[in-house]
Amino acid sequence: MSVEEVLRQLGISDATYYKWRKEYGGLRVDQAKRLKELEQENSRLRLQNHACLEPEANRGQVRGKRWGVIEEFLSKTKNPHRLVP
């Protein structure tokens, strides 16, 4: 069975196959899985970093008394973007 036949049966386009082959072609299965895990962790860490560096963006997500306490704390610090005074 040729590669083209397998791709057709799986519903994968030639372009997708060659893109995957270019990205993962030289990797073993365990290396490809580890790469995927690292990419997911990197994405999660970027989101955390964004949330820490831009607390203003998260105001709409925090409700009630908790935001009042946080706002009071930030107003007392010299640099409101840095949580350690």
Protein backbone atom coordinates (compact mmCIF):
# COMPACT_ATOMS: atom_id res chain seq x y z
CA MET A 1 0.00 0.00 0.00
CA SER A 2 1.45 3.37 -0.99
CA VAL A 3 1.62 6.49 1.14
CA GLU A 4 -0.92 8.18 -1.12
CA GLU A 5 -3.43 5.36 -0.58
CA VAL A 6 -3.02 5.50 3.19
CA LEU A 7 -3.46 9.28 3.18
CA ARG A 8 -6.60 8.97 1.08
CA GLN A 9 -8.06 6.35 3.44
CA LEU A 10 -7.32 8.53 6.48
CA GLY A 11 -8.59 11.69 4.81
CA ILE A 12 -5.27 13.51 5.11
CA SER A 13 -4.22 15.90 2.35
CA ASP A 14 -0.83 15.71 0.68
CA ALA A 15 0.00 19.19 1.97
CA THR A 16 -0.70 18.16 5.56
CA TYR A 17 1.39 15.01 5.18
CA TYR A 18 4.40 16.92 3.83
CA LYS A 19 4.06 19.57 6.53
CA TRP A 20 4.06 16.88 9.22
CA ARG A 21 6.94 15.07 7.54
CA LYS A 22 8.97 18.28 7.44
CA GLU A 23 8.28 19.01 11.12
CA TYR A 24 8.46 15.50 12.62
CA GLY A 25 10.27 13.48 9.94
CA GLY A 26 13.51 12.91 11.80
CA LEU A 27 11.95 12.27 15.20
CA ARG A 28 11.17 9.02 16.92
CA VAL A 29 7.66 8.60 18.35
CA ASP A 30 8.79 9.35 21.92
CA GLN A 31 10.60 12.49 20.73
CA ALA A 32 7.51 13.72 18.85
CA LYS A 33 5.35 13.15 21.96
CA ARG A 34 7.86 15.03 24.13
CA LEU A 35 7.94 17.90 21.63
CA LYS A 36 4.14 18.13 21.78
CA GLU A 37 4.23 18.14 25.62
CA LEU A 38 6.83 20.91 25.64
CA GLU A 39 4.79 22.99 23.19
CA GLN A 40 1.72 22.64 25.43
CA GLU A 41 3.71 23.57 28.54
CA ASN A 42 5.19 26.57 26.73
CA SER A 43 1.71 27.73 25.79
CA ARG A 44 0.49 27.36 29.38
CA LEU A 45 3.49 29.29 30.73
CA ARG A 46 2.96 32.09 28.21
CA LEU A 47 -0.62 32.47 29.41
CA GLN A 48 0.53 32.59 33.04
CA ASN A 49 3.22 35.13 32.19
CA HIS A 50 0.72 37.29 30.34
CA ALA A 51 -1.65 37.19 33.31
CA CYS A 52 1.14 38.23 35.72
CA LEU A 53 2.49 41.04 33.57
CA GLU A 54 -0.88 42.55 32.71
CA PRO A 55 -3.15 42.42 35.75
CA GLU A 56 -5.31 45.15 34.20
CA ALA A 57 -6.42 42.67 31.54
CA ASN A 58 -7.75 40.32 34.20
CA ARG A 59 -9.95 42.82 36.08
CA GLY A 60 -13.07 41.59 34.36
CA GLN A 61 -12.43 38.02 35.49
CA VAL A 62 -12.24 38.76 39.22
CA ARG A 63 -15.54 39.60 40.91
CA GLY A 64 -16.77 40.89 44.24
CA LYS A 65 -14.75 41.42 47.41
CA ARG A 66 -11.68 39.66 46.11
CA TRP A 67 -11.01 42.36 43.52
CA GLY A 68 -11.45 45.09 46.12
CA VAL A 69 -8.76 43.50 48.30
CA ILE A 70 -6.45 43.06 45.31
CA GLU A 71 -7.05 46.62 44.13
CA GLU A 72 -6.28 47.98 47.60
CA PHE A 73 -3.06 45.97 47.78
CA LEU A 74 -1.94 47.13 44.32
CA SER A 75 -2.67 50.77 45.16
CA LYS A 76 -0.31 50.54 48.16
CA THR A 77 2.60 49.13 46.18
CA LYS A 78 5.05 51.37 44.36
CA ASN A 79 4.81 49.31 41.18
CA PRO A 80 1.31 47.84 40.73
CA HIS A 81 2.55 45.37 38.11
CA ARG A 82 4.95 43.83 40.59
CA LEU A 83 3.21 41.87 43.33
CA VAL A 84 6.15 41.93 45.76
CA PRO A 85 6.50 45.41 47.37
